[in-house]
PDB file of N, CA and C in Angstrom:
ATOM      1  N   MET A   1      63.117 100.439 135.858  1.00  0.00           N
ATOM      2  CA  MET A   1      64.465 100.956 135.860  1.00  0.00           C
ATOM      3  C   MET A   1      64.705 101.690 137.178  1.00  0.00           C
ATOM      4  N   GLU A   2      65.847 101.450 137.742  1.00  0.00           N
ATOM      5  CA  GLU A   2      66.197 102.068 139.014  1.00  0.00           C
ATOM      6  C   GLU A   2      67.070 103.299 138.783  1.00  0.00           C
ATOM      7  N   ILE A   3      66.707 104.407 139.440  1.00  0.00           N
ATOM      8  CA  ILE A   3      67.453 105.657 139.351  1.00  0.00           C
ATOM      9  C   ILE A   3      67.774 106.099 140.766  1.00  0.00           C
ATOM     10  N   ASN A   4      69.049 106.418 141.010  1.00  0.00           N
ATOM     11  CA  ASN A   4      69.488 106.852 142.331  1.00  0.00           C
ATOM     12  C   ASN A   4      70.239 108.175 142.190  1.00  0.00           C
ATOM     13  N   TYR A   5      69.696 109.238 142.784  1.00  0.00           N
ATOM     14  CA  TYR A   5      70.373 110.529 142.752  1.00  0.00           C
ATOM     15  C   TYR A   5      71.485 110.538 143.795  1.00  0.00           C
ATOM     16  N   ILE A   6      72.713 110.682 143.336  1.00  0.00           N
ATOM     17  CA  ILE A   6      73.862 110.787 144.225  1.00  0.00           C
ATOM     18  C   ILE A   6      74.049 112.251 144.620  1.00  0.00           C
ATOM     19  N   LYS A   7      73.881 113.119 143.650  1.00  0.00           N
ATOM     20  CA  LYS A   7      73.966 114.566 143.870  1.00  0.00           C
ATOM     21  C   LYS A   7      72.796 115.186 143.123  1.00  0.00           C
ATOM     22  N   ASP A   8      72.042 116.048 143.795  1.00  0.00           N
ATOM     23  CA  ASP A   8      70.850 116.633 143.185  1.00  0.00           C
ATOM     24  C   ASP A   8      70.764 118.111 143.542  1.00  0.00           C
ATOM     25  N   GLU A   9      71.317 118.931 142.664  1.00  0.00           N
ATOM     26  CA  GLU A   9      71.253 120.375 142.822  1.00  0.00           C
ATOM     27  C   GLU A   9      70.554 120.949 141.598  1.00  0.00           C
ATOM     28  N   LYS A  10      70.250 122.224 141.641  1.00  0.00           N
ATOM     29  CA  LYS A  10      69.496 122.853 140.557  1.00  0.00           C
ATOM     30  C   LYS A  10      70.206 122.701 139.207  1.00  0.00           C
ATOM     31  N   ASN A  11      71.489 123.017 139.171  1.00  0.00           N
ATOM     32  CA  ASN A  11      72.213 123.021 137.906  1.00  0.00           C
ATOM     33  C   ASN A  11      73.298 121.950 137.802  1.00  0.00           C
ATOM     34  N   GLU A  12      73.288 120.999 138.712  1.00  0.00           N
ATOM     35  CA  GLU A  12      74.268 119.918 138.663  1.00  0.00           C
ATOM     36  C   GLU A  12      73.695 118.680 139.342  1.00  0.00           C
ATOM     37  N   ALA A  13      73.893 117.537 138.693  1.00  0.00           N
ATOM     38  CA  ALA A  13      73.387 116.290 139.267  1.00  0.00           C
ATOM     39  C   ALA A  13      74.280 115.125 138.872  1.00  0.00           C
ATOM     40  N   GLU A  14      74.306 114.137 139.743  1.00  0.00           N
ATOM     41  CA  GLU A  14      74.938 112.852 139.458  1.00  0.00           C
ATOM     42  C   GLU A  14      73.878 111.798 139.733  1.00  0.00           C
ATOM     43  N   ILE A  15      73.594 111.000 138.711  1.00  0.00           N
ATOM     44  CA  ILE A  15      72.508 110.040 138.784  1.00  0.00           C
ATOM     45  C   ILE A  15      73.044 108.652 138.446  1.00  0.00           C
ATOM     46  N   GLU A  16      72.828 107.713 139.346  1.00  0.00           N
ATOM     47  CA  GLU A  16      73.208 106.332 139.091  1.00  0.00           C
ATOM     48  C   GLU A  16      72.044 105.639 138.398  1.00  0.00           C
ATOM     49  N   LEU A  17      72.319 105.059 137.246  1.00  0.00           N
ATOM     50  CA  LEU A  17      71.310 104.349 136.462  1.00  0.00           C
ATOM     51  C   LEU A  17      71.673 102.874 136.424  1.00  0.00           C
ATOM     52  N   ASP A  18      70.685 102.025 136.270  1.00  0.00           N
ATOM     53  CA  ASP A  18      70.985 100.591 136.215  1.00  0.00           C
ATOM     54  C   ASP A  18      71.118 100.072 134.783  1.00  0.00           C
ATOM     55  N   ASN A  19      71.210 101.000 133.815  1.00  0.00           N
ATOM     56  CA  ASN A  19      71.257 100.598 132.415  1.00  0.00           C
ATOM     57  C   ASN A  19      72.243 101.476 131.661  1.00  0.00           C
ATOM     58  N   LEU A  20      73.294 100.875 131.139  1.00  0.00           N
ATOM     59  CA  LEU A  20      74.327 101.612 130.417  1.00  0.00           C
ATOM     60  C   LEU A  20      73.794 102.220 129.123  1.00  0.00           C
ATOM     61  N   THR A  21      72.906 101.531 128.444  1.00  0.00           N
ATOM     62  CA  THR A  21      72.339 102.037 127.194  1.00  0.00           C
ATOM     63  C   THR A  21      71.551 103.321 127.442  1.00  0.00           C
ATOM     64  N   ILE A  22      70.768 103.354 128.496  1.00  0.00           N
ATOM     65  CA  ILE A  22      70.003 104.553 128.835  1.00  0.00           C
ATOM     66  C   ILE A  22      70.953 105.695 129.195  1.00  0.00           C
ATOM     67  N   ALA A  23      72.006 105.410 129.933  1.00  0.00           N
ATOM     68  CA  ALA A  23      72.992 106.438 130.286  1.00  0.00           C
ATOM     69  C   ALA A  23      73.609 107.042 129.029  1.00  0.00           C
ATOM     70  N   GLU A  24      73.948 106.208 128.066  1.00  0.00           N
ATOM     71  CA  GLU A  24      74.556 106.701 126.820  1.00  0.00           C
ATOM     72  C   GLU A  24      73.555 107.489 125.980  1.00  0.00           C
ATOM     73  N   LEU A  25      72.317 107.009 125.895  1.00  0.00           N
ATOM     74  CA  LEU A  25      71.276 107.747 125.168  1.00  0.00           C
ATOM     75  C   LEU A  25      71.055 109.130 125.780  1.00  0.00           C
ATOM     76  N   LEU A  26      70.914 109.176 127.093  1.00  0.00           N
ATOM     77  CA  LEU A  26      70.712 110.465 127.765  1.00  0.00           C
ATOM     78  C   LEU A  26      71.906 111.386 127.554  1.00  0.00           C
ATOM     79  N   ARG A  27      73.120 110.856 127.663  1.00  0.00           N
ATOM     80  CA  ARG A  27      74.321 111.662 127.450  1.00  0.00           C
ATOM     81  C   ARG A  27      74.319 112.281 126.055  1.00  0.00           C
ATOM     82  N   THR A  28      73.990 111.491 125.061  1.00  0.00           N
ATOM     83  CA  THR A  28      73.979 111.964 123.683  1.00  0.00           C
ATOM     84  C   THR A  28      72.968 113.086 123.496  1.00  0.00           C
ATOM     85  N   TYR A  29      71.762 112.885 123.958  1.00  0.00           N
ATOM     86  CA  TYR A  29      70.713 113.894 123.778  1.00  0.00           C
ATOM     87  C   TYR A  29      70.951 115.124 124.660  1.00  0.00           C
ATOM     88  N   LEU A  30      71.478 114.947 125.853  1.00  0.00           N
ATOM     89  CA  LEU A  30      71.782 116.091 126.711  1.00  0.00           C
ATOM     90  C   LEU A  30      72.850 116.981 126.087  1.00  0.00           C
ATOM     91  N   ASN A  31      73.841 116.371 125.443  1.00  0.00           N
ATOM     92  CA  ASN A  31      74.909 117.159 124.820  1.00  0.00           C
ATOM     93  C   ASN A  31      74.435 117.931 123.592  1.00  0.00           C
ATOM     94  N   GLU A  32      73.268 117.608 123.062  1.00  0.00           N
ATOM     95  CA  GLU A  32      72.693 118.367 121.955  1.00  0.00           C
ATOM     96  C   GLU A  32      71.945 119.603 122.438  1.00  0.00           C
ATOM     97  N   ASP A  33      71.691 119.697 123.732  1.00  0.00           N
ATOM     98  CA  ASP A  33      70.955 120.804 124.336  1.00  0.00           C
ATOM     99  C   ASP A  33      71.922 121.941 124.663  1.00  0.00           C
ATOM    100  N   ASP A  34      71.657 123.136 124.116  1.00  0.00           N
ATOM    101  CA  ASP A  34      72.529 124.287 124.338  1.00  0.00           C
ATOM    102  C   ASP A  34      72.587 124.733 125.793  1.00  0.00           C
ATOM    103  N   SER A  35      71.583 124.404 126.575  1.00  0.00           N
ATOM    104  CA  SER A  35      71.580 124.819 127.976  1.00  0.00           C
ATOM    105  C   SER A  35      72.386 123.862 128.858  1.00  0.00           C
ATOM    106  N   VAL A  36      72.855 122.761 128.293  1.00  0.00           N
ATOM    107  CA  VAL A  36      73.661 121.789 129.042  1.00  0.00           C
ATOM    108  C   VAL A  36      75.133 122.076 128.772  1.00  0.00           C
ATOM    109  N   SER A  37      75.888 122.322 129.839  1.00  0.00           N
ATOM    110  CA  SER A  37      77.313 122.614 129.673  1.00  0.00           C
ATOM    111  C   SER A  37      78.173 121.351 129.783  1.00  0.00           C
ATOM    112  N   PHE A  38      77.637 120.303 130.416  1.00  0.00           N
ATOM    113  CA  PHE A  38      78.399 119.067 130.570  1.00  0.00           C
ATOM    114  C   PHE A  38      77.457 117.899 130.794  1.00  0.00           C
ATOM    115  N   ALA A  39      77.701 116.815 130.075  1.00  0.00           N
ATOM    116  CA  ALA A  39      76.960 115.574 130.299  1.00  0.00           C
ATOM    117  C   ALA A  39      77.877 114.409 129.918  1.00  0.00           C
ATOM    118  N   ALA A  40      78.143 113.554 130.888  1.00  0.00           N
ATOM    119  CA  ALA A  40      78.979 112.378 130.648  1.00  0.00           C
ATOM    120  C   ALA A  40      78.644 111.334 131.700  1.00  0.00           C
ATOM    121  N   TRP A  41      78.944 110.094 131.360  1.00  0.00           N
ATOM    122  CA  TRP A  41      78.752 109.039 132.347  1.00  0.00           C
ATOM    123  C   TRP A  41      80.088 108.370 132.605  1.00  0.00           C
ATOM    124  N   LYS A  42      80.186 107.770 133.772  1.00  0.00           N
ATOM    125  CA  LYS A  42      81.381 106.998 134.123  1.00  0.00           C
ATOM    126  C   LYS A  42      80.931 105.747 134.853  1.00  0.00           C
ATOM    127  N   ARG A  43      81.811 104.795 134.848  1.00  0.00           N
ATOM    128  CA  ARG A  43      81.537 103.549 135.551  1.00  0.00           C
ATOM    129  C   ARG A  43      82.851 103.098 136.168  1.00  0.00           C
ATOM    130  N   GLU A  44      82.878 102.963 137.470  1.00  0.00           N
ATOM    131  CA  GLU A  44      84.102 102.608 138.188  1.00  0.00           C
ATOM    132  C   GLU A  44      84.621 101.222 137.785  1.00  0.00           C
ATOM    133  N   HIS A  45      83.690 100.319 137.493  1.00  0.00           N
ATOM    134  CA  HIS A  45      84.049  98.939 137.166  1.00  0.00           C
ATOM    135  C   HIS A  45      82.890  98.350 136.363  1.00  0.00           C
ATOM    136  N   PRO A  46      83.157  97.428 135.427  1.00  0.00           N
ATOM    137  CA  PRO A  46      82.066  96.847 134.642  1.00  0.00           C
ATOM    138  C   PRO A  46      80.944  96.215 135.473  1.00  0.00           C
ATOM    139  N   SER A  47      81.235  95.848 136.689  1.00  0.00           N
ATOM    140  CA  SER A  47      80.191  95.263 137.541  1.00  0.00           C
ATOM    141  C   SER A  47      79.356  96.338 138.251  1.00  0.00           C
ATOM    142  N   LYS A  48      79.750  97.601 138.134  1.00  0.00           N
ATOM    143  CA  LYS A  48      79.048  98.709 138.790  1.00  0.00           C
ATOM    144  C   LYS A  48      78.113  99.408 137.800  1.00  0.00           C
ATOM    145  N   ASN A  49      77.097 100.085 138.330  1.00  0.00           N
ATOM    146  CA  ASN A  49      76.178 100.854 137.497  1.00  0.00           C
ATOM    147  C   ASN A  49      76.833 102.154 137.038  1.00  0.00           C
ATOM    148  N   PRO A  50      76.465 102.638 135.846  1.00  0.00           N
ATOM    149  CA  PRO A  50      77.013 103.913 135.383  1.00  0.00           C
ATOM    150  C   PRO A  50      76.409 105.081 136.158  1.00  0.00           C
ATOM    151  N   VAL A  51      77.197 106.146 136.281  1.00  0.00           N
ATOM    152  CA  VAL A  51      76.746 107.379 136.926  1.00  0.00           C
ATOM    153  C   VAL A  51      76.793 108.485 135.876  1.00  0.00           C
ATOM    154  N   LEU A  52      75.637 109.097 135.625  1.00  0.00           N
ATOM    155  CA  LEU A  52      75.524 110.181 134.658  1.00  0.00           C
ATOM    156  C   LEU A  52      75.684 111.506 135.393  1.00  0.00           C
ATOM    157  N   LYS A  53      76.684 112.288 134.989  1.00  0.00           N
ATOM    158  CA  LYS A  53      76.905 113.607 135.593  1.00  0.00           C
ATOM    159  C   LYS A  53      76.475 114.654 134.577  1.00  0.00           C
ATOM    160  N   THR A  54      75.674 115.604 135.033  1.00  0.00           N
ATOM    161  CA  THR A  54      75.133 116.636 134.150  1.00  0.00           C
ATOM    162  C   THR A  54      75.228 117.998 134.829  1.00  0.00           C
ATOM    163  N   LYS A  55      75.657 119.002 134.045  1.00  0.00           N
ATOM    164  CA  LYS A  55      75.674 120.394 134.502  1.00  0.00           C
ATOM    165  C   LYS A  55      74.939 121.227 133.461  1.00  0.00           C
ATOM    166  N   THR A  56      74.150 122.173 133.934  1.00  0.00           N
ATOM    167  CA  THR A  56      73.401 123.029 133.022  1.00  0.00           C
ATOM    168  C   THR A  56      73.731 124.496 133.272  1.00  0.00           C
ATOM    169  N   LYS A  57      73.415 125.321 132.254  1.00  0.00           N
ATOM    170  CA  LYS A  57      73.657 126.761 132.360  1.00  0.00           C
ATOM    171  C   LYS A  57      72.394 127.509 132.743  1.00  0.00           C
ATOM    172  N   THR A  58      71.300 127.239 132.045  1.00  0.00           N
ATOM    173  CA  THR A  58      70.100 128.043 132.238  1.00  0.00           C
ATOM    174  C   THR A  58      68.947 127.265 132.869  1.00  0.00           C
ATOM    175  N   LYS A  59      68.617 126.115 132.356  1.00  0.00           N
ATOM    176  CA  LYS A  59      67.511 125.338 132.931  1.00  0.00           C
ATOM    177  C   LYS A  59      68.024 124.372 133.979  1.00  0.00           C
ATOM    178  N   THR A  60      67.110 123.828 134.758  1.00  0.00           N
ATOM    179  CA  THR A  60      67.505 122.864 135.781  1.00  0.00           C
ATOM    180  C   THR A  60      67.903 121.545 135.119  1.00  0.00           C
ATOM    181  N   VAL A  61      68.658 120.756 135.838  1.00  0.00           N
ATOM    182  CA  VAL A  61      69.066 119.447 135.327  1.00  0.00           C
ATOM    183  C   VAL A  61      67.843 118.573 135.073  1.00  0.00           C
ATOM    184  N   LYS A  62      66.887 118.596 135.995  1.00  0.00           N
ATOM    185  CA  LYS A  62      65.686 117.773 135.820  1.00  0.00           C
ATOM    186  C   LYS A  62      64.919 118.174 134.559  1.00  0.00           C
ATOM    187  N   LYS A  63      64.852 119.462 134.258  1.00  0.00           N
ATOM    188  CA  LYS A  63      64.180 119.935 133.042  1.00  0.00           C
ATOM    189  C   LYS A  63      64.963 119.485 131.811  1.00  0.00           C
ATOM    190  N   ALA A  64      66.284 119.582 131.862  1.00  0.00           N
ATOM    191  CA  ALA A  64      67.120 119.155 130.738  1.00  0.00           C
ATOM    192  C   ALA A  64      66.949 117.661 130.469  1.00  0.00           C
ATOM    193  N   ILE A  65      66.907 116.853 131.526  1.00  0.00           N
ATOM    194  CA  ILE A  65      66.710 115.407 131.359  1.00  0.00           C
ATOM    195  C   ILE A  65      65.312 115.127 130.825  1.00  0.00           C
ATOM    196  N   SER A  66      64.328 115.830 131.339  1.00  0.00           N
ATOM    197  CA  SER A  66      62.961 115.668 130.852  1.00  0.00           C
ATOM    198  C   SER A  66      62.870 116.007 129.364  1.00  0.00           C
ATOM    199  N   ASP A  67      63.524 117.081 128.954  1.00  0.00           N
ATOM    200  CA  ASP A  67      63.539 117.466 127.541  1.00  0.00           C
ATOM    201  C   ASP A  67      64.250 116.410 126.689  1.00  0.00           C
ATOM    202  N   ALA A  68      65.347 115.856 127.210  1.00  0.00           N
ATOM    203  CA  ALA A  68      66.077 114.817 126.481  1.00  0.00           C
ATOM    204  C   ALA A  68      65.208 113.576 126.309  1.00  0.00           C
ATOM    205  N   VAL A  69      64.500 113.192 127.352  1.00  0.00           N
ATOM    206  CA  VAL A  69      63.610 112.021 127.276  1.00  0.00           C
ATOM    207  C   VAL A  69      62.502 112.279 126.258  1.00  0.00           C
ATOM    208  N   SER A  70      61.962 113.487 126.231  1.00  0.00           N
ATOM    209  CA  SER A  70      60.920 113.831 125.251  1.00  0.00           C
ATOM    210  C   SER A  70      61.459 113.722 123.824  1.00  0.00           C
ATOM    211  N   GLN A  71      62.680 114.174 123.611  1.00  0.00           N
ATOM    212  CA  GLN A  71      63.298 114.069 122.276  1.00  0.00           C
ATOM    213  C   GLN A  71      63.513 112.603 121.889  1.00  0.00           C
ATOM    214  N   ILE A  72      63.965 111.808 122.830  1.00  0.00           N
ATOM    215  CA  ILE A  72      64.169 110.377 122.569  1.00  0.00           C
ATOM    216  C   ILE A  72      62.841 109.725 122.189  1.00  0.00           C
ATOM    217  N   GLU A  73      61.783 110.012 122.953  1.00  0.00           N
ATOM    218  CA  GLU A  73      60.459 109.462 122.651  1.00  0.00           C
ATOM    219  C   GLU A  73      59.997 109.884 121.263  1.00  0.00           C
ATOM    220  N   LYS A  74      60.209 111.141 120.921  1.00  0.00           N
ATOM    221  CA  LYS A  74      59.804 111.659 119.611  1.00  0.00           C
ATOM    222  C   LYS A  74      60.536 110.923 118.489  1.00  0.00           C
ATOM    223  N   HIS A  75      61.848 110.732 118.656  1.00  0.00           N
ATOM    224  CA  HIS A  75      62.611 110.025 117.625  1.00  0.00           C
ATOM    225  C   HIS A  75      62.223 108.553 117.544  1.00  0.00           C
ATOM    226  N   LEU A  76      61.943 107.934 118.679  1.00  0.00           N
ATOM    227  CA  LEU A  76      61.513 106.531 118.663  1.00  0.00           C
ATOM    228  C   LEU A  76      60.139 106.376 118.007  1.00  0.00           C
ATOM    229  N   ASP A  77      59.221 107.307 118.276  1.00  0.00           N
ATOM    230  CA  ASP A  77      57.903 107.266 117.638  1.00  0.00           C
ATOM    231  C   ASP A  77      58.037 107.372 116.119  1.00  0.00           C
ATOM    232  N   LYS A  78      58.942 108.246 115.662  1.00  0.00           N
ATOM    233  CA  LYS A  78      59.171 108.399 114.219  1.00  0.00           C
ATOM    234  C   LYS A  78      59.766 107.117 113.639  1.00  0.00           C
ATOM    235  N   LEU A  79      60.683 106.499 114.359  1.00  0.00           N
ATOM    236  CA  LEU A  79      61.289 105.253 113.902  1.00  0.00           C
ATOM    237  C   LEU A  79      60.243 104.155 113.764  1.00  0.00           C
ATOM    238  N   VAL A  80      59.362 104.048 114.749  1.00  0.00           N
ATOM    239  CA  VAL A  80      58.293 103.047 114.702  1.00  0.00           C
ATOM    240  C   VAL A  80      57.368 103.314 113.518  1.00  0.00           C
ATOM    241  N   ALA A  81      56.988 104.584 113.326  1.00  0.00           N
ATOM    242  CA  ALA A  81      56.106 104.940 112.209  1.00  0.00           C
ATOM    243  C   ALA A  81      56.777 104.633 110.870  1.00  0.00           C
ATOM    244  N   ASP A  82      58.063 104.984 110.739  1.00  0.00           N
ATOM    245  CA  ASP A  82      58.795 104.700 109.500  1.00  0.00           C
ATOM    246  C   ASP A  82      58.880 103.196 109.247  1.00  0.00           C
ATOM    247  N   PHE A  83      59.092 102.435 110.292  1.00  0.00           N
ATOM    248  CA  PHE A  83      59.180 100.984 110.163  1.00  0.00           C
ATOM    249  C   PHE A  83      57.842 100.398 109.718  1.00  0.00           C
ATOM    250  N   LYS A  84      56.756 100.876 110.325  1.00  0.00           N
ATOM    251  CA  LYS A  84      55.419 100.371 109.957  1.00  0.00           C
ATOM    252  C   LYS A  84      55.062 100.728 108.530  1.00  0.00           C
ATOM    253  N   ASN A  85      55.544 101.869 108.052  1.00  0.00           N
ATOM    254  CA  ASN A  85      55.223 102.334 106.704  1.00  0.00           C
ATOM    255  C   ASN A  85      56.171 101.782 105.641  1.00  0.00           C
ATOM    256  N   SER A  86      57.223 101.095 106.071  1.00  0.00           N
ATOM    257  CA  SER A  86      58.171 100.557 105.093  1.00  0.00           C
ATOM    258  C   SER A  86      57.558  99.352 104.390  1.00  0.00           C
ATOM    259  N   LYS A  87      57.996  99.165 103.181  1.00  0.00           N
ATOM    260  CA  LYS A  87      57.521  98.037 102.389  1.00  0.00           C
ATOM    261  C   LYS A  87      58.572  96.951 102.392  1.00  0.00           C
ATOM    262  N   THR A  88      58.123  95.729 102.534  1.00  0.00           N
ATOM    263  CA  THR A  88      59.053  94.604 102.464  1.00  0.00           C
ATOM    264  C   THR A  88      59.114  94.144 101.018  1.00  0.00           C
ATOM    265  N   GLU A  89      60.262  93.683 100.669  1.00  0.00           N
ATOM    266  CA  GLU A  89      60.439  93.213  99.293  1.00  0.00           C
ATOM    267  C   GLU A  89      60.535  91.723  99.230  1.00  0.00           C
TER     268      GLU A  89
END
């Protein structure tokens, strides 16, 4: 996956991602974090990559994204475990 930082400051970043699904997942999980004041993505045109804009209050943007990725991994691990433990009828 390709990631391009357009703007990279301590409490504000704009990141171009090559995957719309990842941009939406990150936006969703970032907005659940109380230290994040703003997280949204935009795309100028369907042929362009989405840009995720994030602003934080207390922690750095990189820490907030890292925490969001950890939460996503945790939920995916639980989903895999639940799927493996499910019984087919």
